[in-house]
């Protein structure tokens, strides 16, 4: 019995998941900034990692929401 009633659209999932995805992007950017030091580049500060994660979190969130929607569809089958 597959119905679309109660089905979460990708957009709604993205809104719910954005804070978590943007935080994950910020952590990864900060860690990347730390690794940059090994090749002589300056480190990325935590503040800049957070600032950059705001716009970079949008496409990442869309991809995560599509992935979660696919998992939910698979679980319903």
N, C-alpha and C. Protein backbone atom coordinates (compact mmCIF):
# COMPACT_ATOMS: atom_id res chain seq x y z
N UNK A 1 0.83 -1.19 0.00
CA UNK A 1 0.00 0.00 0.00
C UNK A 1 0.87 1.24 0.00
N UNK A 2 1.15 1.68 -1.16
CA UNK A 2 2.00 2.85 -1.29
C UNK A 2 1.14 4.06 -1.60
N UNK A 3 1.12 4.99 -0.70
CA UNK A 3 0.37 6.21 -0.95
C UNK A 3 1.27 7.41 -0.71
N UNK A 4 0.92 8.51 -1.32
CA UNK A 4 1.73 9.72 -1.15
C UNK A 4 1.29 10.52 0.07
N UNK A 5 0.27 10.04 0.75
CA UNK A 5 -0.19 10.72 1.95
C UNK A 5 0.83 10.59 3.06
N UNK A 6 1.20 11.69 3.67
CA UNK A 6 2.18 11.66 4.75
C UNK A 6 3.60 11.56 4.25
N UNK A 7 3.81 11.65 2.95
CA UNK A 7 5.14 11.54 2.37
C UNK A 7 5.86 12.89 2.51
N UNK A 8 7.08 12.84 3.01
CA UNK A 8 7.85 14.06 3.18
C UNK A 8 8.51 14.42 1.86
N UNK A 9 8.24 15.61 1.32
CA UNK A 9 8.94 16.03 0.10
C UNK A 9 10.39 16.41 0.40
N UNK A 10 11.22 16.38 -0.64
CA UNK A 10 12.63 16.70 -0.48
C UNK A 10 12.81 18.09 0.10
N UNK A 11 11.98 19.03 -0.33
CA UNK A 11 12.10 20.41 0.17
C UNK A 11 11.89 20.50 1.68
N UNK A 12 10.90 19.79 2.18
CA UNK A 12 10.63 19.81 3.62
C UNK A 12 11.76 19.13 4.39
N UNK A 13 12.26 18.02 3.84
CA UNK A 13 13.39 17.35 4.47
C UNK A 13 14.62 18.26 4.49
N UNK A 14 14.83 19.00 3.40
CA UNK A 14 15.98 19.90 3.33
C UNK A 14 15.88 20.98 4.39
N UNK A 15 14.71 21.53 4.60
CA UNK A 15 14.55 22.56 5.63
C UNK A 15 14.85 21.99 7.02
N UNK A 16 14.43 20.76 7.25
CA UNK A 16 14.67 20.13 8.54
C UNK A 16 16.15 19.80 8.73
N UNK A 17 16.82 19.37 7.67
CA UNK A 17 18.19 18.89 7.78
C UNK A 17 19.25 19.98 7.61
N UNK A 18 18.86 21.18 7.17
CA UNK A 18 19.85 22.23 6.89
C UNK A 18 20.78 22.54 8.07
N UNK A 19 20.29 22.74 9.28
CA UNK A 19 21.22 23.08 10.38
C UNK A 19 22.27 22.00 10.60
N UNK A 20 21.88 20.75 10.48
CA UNK A 20 22.81 19.64 10.72
C UNK A 20 23.82 19.52 9.58
N UNK A 21 23.34 19.69 8.35
CA UNK A 21 24.23 19.60 7.20
C UNK A 21 25.20 20.77 7.16
N UNK A 22 24.72 21.97 7.44
CA UNK A 22 25.60 23.15 7.45
C UNK A 22 26.66 23.01 8.55
N UNK A 23 26.30 22.45 9.68
CA UNK A 23 27.28 22.22 10.76
C UNK A 23 28.33 21.20 10.32
N UNK A 24 27.90 20.15 9.63
CA UNK A 24 28.85 19.15 9.13
C UNK A 24 29.79 19.78 8.10
N UNK A 25 29.26 20.63 7.24
CA UNK A 25 30.09 21.33 6.25
C UNK A 25 31.10 22.22 6.98
N UNK A 26 30.68 22.93 8.02
CA UNK A 26 31.59 23.80 8.77
C UNK A 26 32.71 22.99 9.41
N UNK A 27 32.39 21.86 9.98
CA UNK A 27 33.42 21.02 10.62
C UNK A 27 34.41 20.53 9.57
N UNK A 28 33.90 20.08 8.42
CA UNK A 28 34.78 19.59 7.37
C UNK A 28 35.66 20.71 6.80
N UNK A 29 35.10 21.91 6.64
CA UNK A 29 35.91 23.03 6.17
C UNK A 29 37.01 23.39 7.17
N UNK A 30 36.68 23.38 8.44
CA UNK A 30 37.67 23.68 9.46
C UNK A 30 38.79 22.65 9.45
N UNK A 31 38.43 21.37 9.35
CA UNK A 31 39.44 20.31 9.30
C UNK A 31 40.29 20.42 8.04
N UNK A 32 39.68 20.78 6.92
CA UNK A 32 40.42 21.00 5.69
C UNK A 32 41.41 22.16 5.86
N UNK A 33 40.95 23.20 6.55
CA UNK A 33 41.83 24.33 6.83
C UNK A 33 43.02 23.93 7.68
N UNK A 34 42.82 23.00 8.61
CA UNK A 34 43.93 22.52 9.41
C UNK A 34 44.91 21.71 8.57
N UNK A 35 44.39 20.93 7.64
CA UNK A 35 45.26 20.13 6.78
C UNK A 35 46.04 21.01 5.80
N UNK A 36 45.47 22.16 5.43
CA UNK A 36 46.16 23.10 4.54
C UNK A 36 47.49 23.54 5.11
N UNK A 37 47.58 23.57 6.43
CA UNK A 37 48.81 24.02 7.08
C UNK A 37 49.98 23.11 6.71
N UNK A 38 49.72 21.87 6.39
CA UNK A 38 50.79 20.93 6.04
C UNK A 38 51.48 21.33 4.74
N UNK A 39 50.79 22.06 3.88
CA UNK A 39 51.41 22.48 2.62
C UNK A 39 51.73 23.96 2.62
N UNK A 40 51.68 24.58 3.79
CA UNK A 40 52.11 25.96 3.94
C UNK A 40 51.04 27.01 3.79
N UNK A 41 49.80 26.62 3.62
CA UNK A 41 48.72 27.61 3.53
C UNK A 41 48.25 27.99 4.94
N UNK A 42 47.67 29.17 5.10
CA UNK A 42 47.19 29.56 6.44
C UNK A 42 45.95 28.75 6.83
N UNK A 43 45.79 28.56 8.11
CA UNK A 43 44.65 27.81 8.63
C UNK A 43 43.35 28.60 8.45
N UNK A 44 42.27 27.89 8.33
CA UNK A 44 40.95 28.50 8.24
C UNK A 44 40.39 28.60 9.66
N UNK A 45 40.00 29.80 10.06
CA UNK A 45 39.49 29.97 11.43
C UNK A 45 38.10 29.36 11.55
N UNK A 46 37.71 29.01 12.77
CA UNK A 46 36.37 28.45 12.97
C UNK A 46 35.26 29.41 12.51
N UNK A 47 35.48 30.70 12.69
CA UNK A 47 34.47 31.68 12.29
C UNK A 47 34.30 31.68 10.77
N UNK A 48 35.43 31.66 10.04
CA UNK A 48 35.35 31.63 8.58
C UNK A 48 34.74 30.32 8.09
N UNK A 49 35.02 29.22 8.77
CA UNK A 49 34.42 27.94 8.41
C UNK A 49 32.90 28.02 8.55
N UNK A 50 32.43 28.64 9.63
CA UNK A 50 30.98 28.81 9.81
C UNK A 50 30.38 29.73 8.75
N UNK A 51 31.06 30.82 8.45
CA UNK A 51 30.56 31.76 7.44
C UNK A 51 30.46 31.08 6.08
N UNK A 52 31.49 30.33 5.72
CA UNK A 52 31.48 29.65 4.42
C UNK A 52 30.48 28.50 4.37
N UNK A 53 30.17 27.93 5.53
CA UNK A 53 29.24 26.79 5.54
C UNK A 53 27.79 27.21 5.28
N UNK A 54 27.46 28.48 5.48
CA UNK A 54 26.09 28.94 5.25
C UNK A 54 25.70 28.76 3.78
N UNK A 55 26.46 29.31 2.81
CA UNK A 55 26.07 29.08 1.42
C UNK A 55 26.42 27.68 0.92
N UNK A 56 27.52 27.11 1.38
CA UNK A 56 27.91 25.78 0.92
C UNK A 56 27.00 24.68 1.49
N UNK A 57 26.32 24.99 2.57
CA UNK A 57 25.40 24.02 3.17
C UNK A 57 24.14 23.81 2.36
N UNK A 58 23.78 24.77 1.50
CA UNK A 58 22.54 24.66 0.72
C UNK A 58 22.60 23.50 -0.28
N UNK A 59 23.61 23.44 -1.18
CA UNK A 59 23.64 22.30 -2.09
C UNK A 59 23.89 20.97 -1.38
N UNK A 60 24.69 21.02 -0.32
CA UNK A 60 24.94 19.80 0.44
C UNK A 60 23.65 19.29 1.08
N UNK A 61 22.84 20.20 1.58
CA UNK A 61 21.57 19.82 2.19
C UNK A 61 20.62 19.22 1.17
N UNK A 62 20.58 19.80 -0.03
CA UNK A 62 19.72 19.25 -1.07
C UNK A 62 20.13 17.82 -1.40
N UNK A 63 21.42 17.57 -1.50
CA UNK A 63 21.89 16.21 -1.79
C UNK A 63 21.56 15.25 -0.65
N UNK A 64 21.73 15.70 0.57
CA UNK A 64 21.41 14.85 1.73
C UNK A 64 19.91 14.57 1.79
N UNK A 65 19.09 15.57 1.51
CA UNK A 65 17.63 15.38 1.55
C UNK A 65 17.19 14.39 0.47
N UNK A 66 17.79 14.48 -0.72
CA UNK A 66 17.45 13.51 -1.78
C UNK A 66 17.85 12.10 -1.36
N UNK A 67 19.02 11.99 -0.72
CA UNK A 67 19.50 10.68 -0.27
C UNK A 67 18.56 10.11 0.80
N UNK A 68 18.18 10.95 1.77
CA UNK A 68 17.27 10.50 2.84
C UNK A 68 15.91 10.13 2.26
N UNK A 69 15.41 10.92 1.30
CA UNK A 69 14.12 10.60 0.66
C UNK A 69 14.19 9.24 -0.02
N UNK A 70 15.31 8.96 -0.68
CA UNK A 70 15.49 7.64 -1.32
C UNK A 70 15.51 6.52 -0.30
N UNK A 71 16.17 6.75 0.84
CA UNK A 71 16.18 5.74 1.90
C UNK A 71 14.77 5.51 2.45
N UNK A 72 14.01 6.60 2.60
CA UNK A 72 12.65 6.46 3.10
C UNK A 72 11.77 5.72 2.10
N UNK A 73 11.94 6.00 0.81
CA UNK A 73 11.18 5.28 -0.21
C UNK A 73 11.53 3.80 -0.22
N UNK A 74 12.81 3.51 -0.08
CA UNK A 74 13.25 2.11 -0.04
C UNK A 74 12.70 1.38 1.18
N UNK A 75 12.64 2.08 2.30
CA UNK A 75 12.12 1.46 3.52
C UNK A 75 10.63 1.19 3.43
N UNK A 76 9.92 2.00 2.65
CA UNK A 76 8.47 1.82 2.51
C UNK A 76 8.11 0.65 1.61
N UNK A 77 9.06 0.24 0.75
CA UNK A 77 8.78 -0.89 -0.15
C UNK A 77 8.84 -2.20 0.56
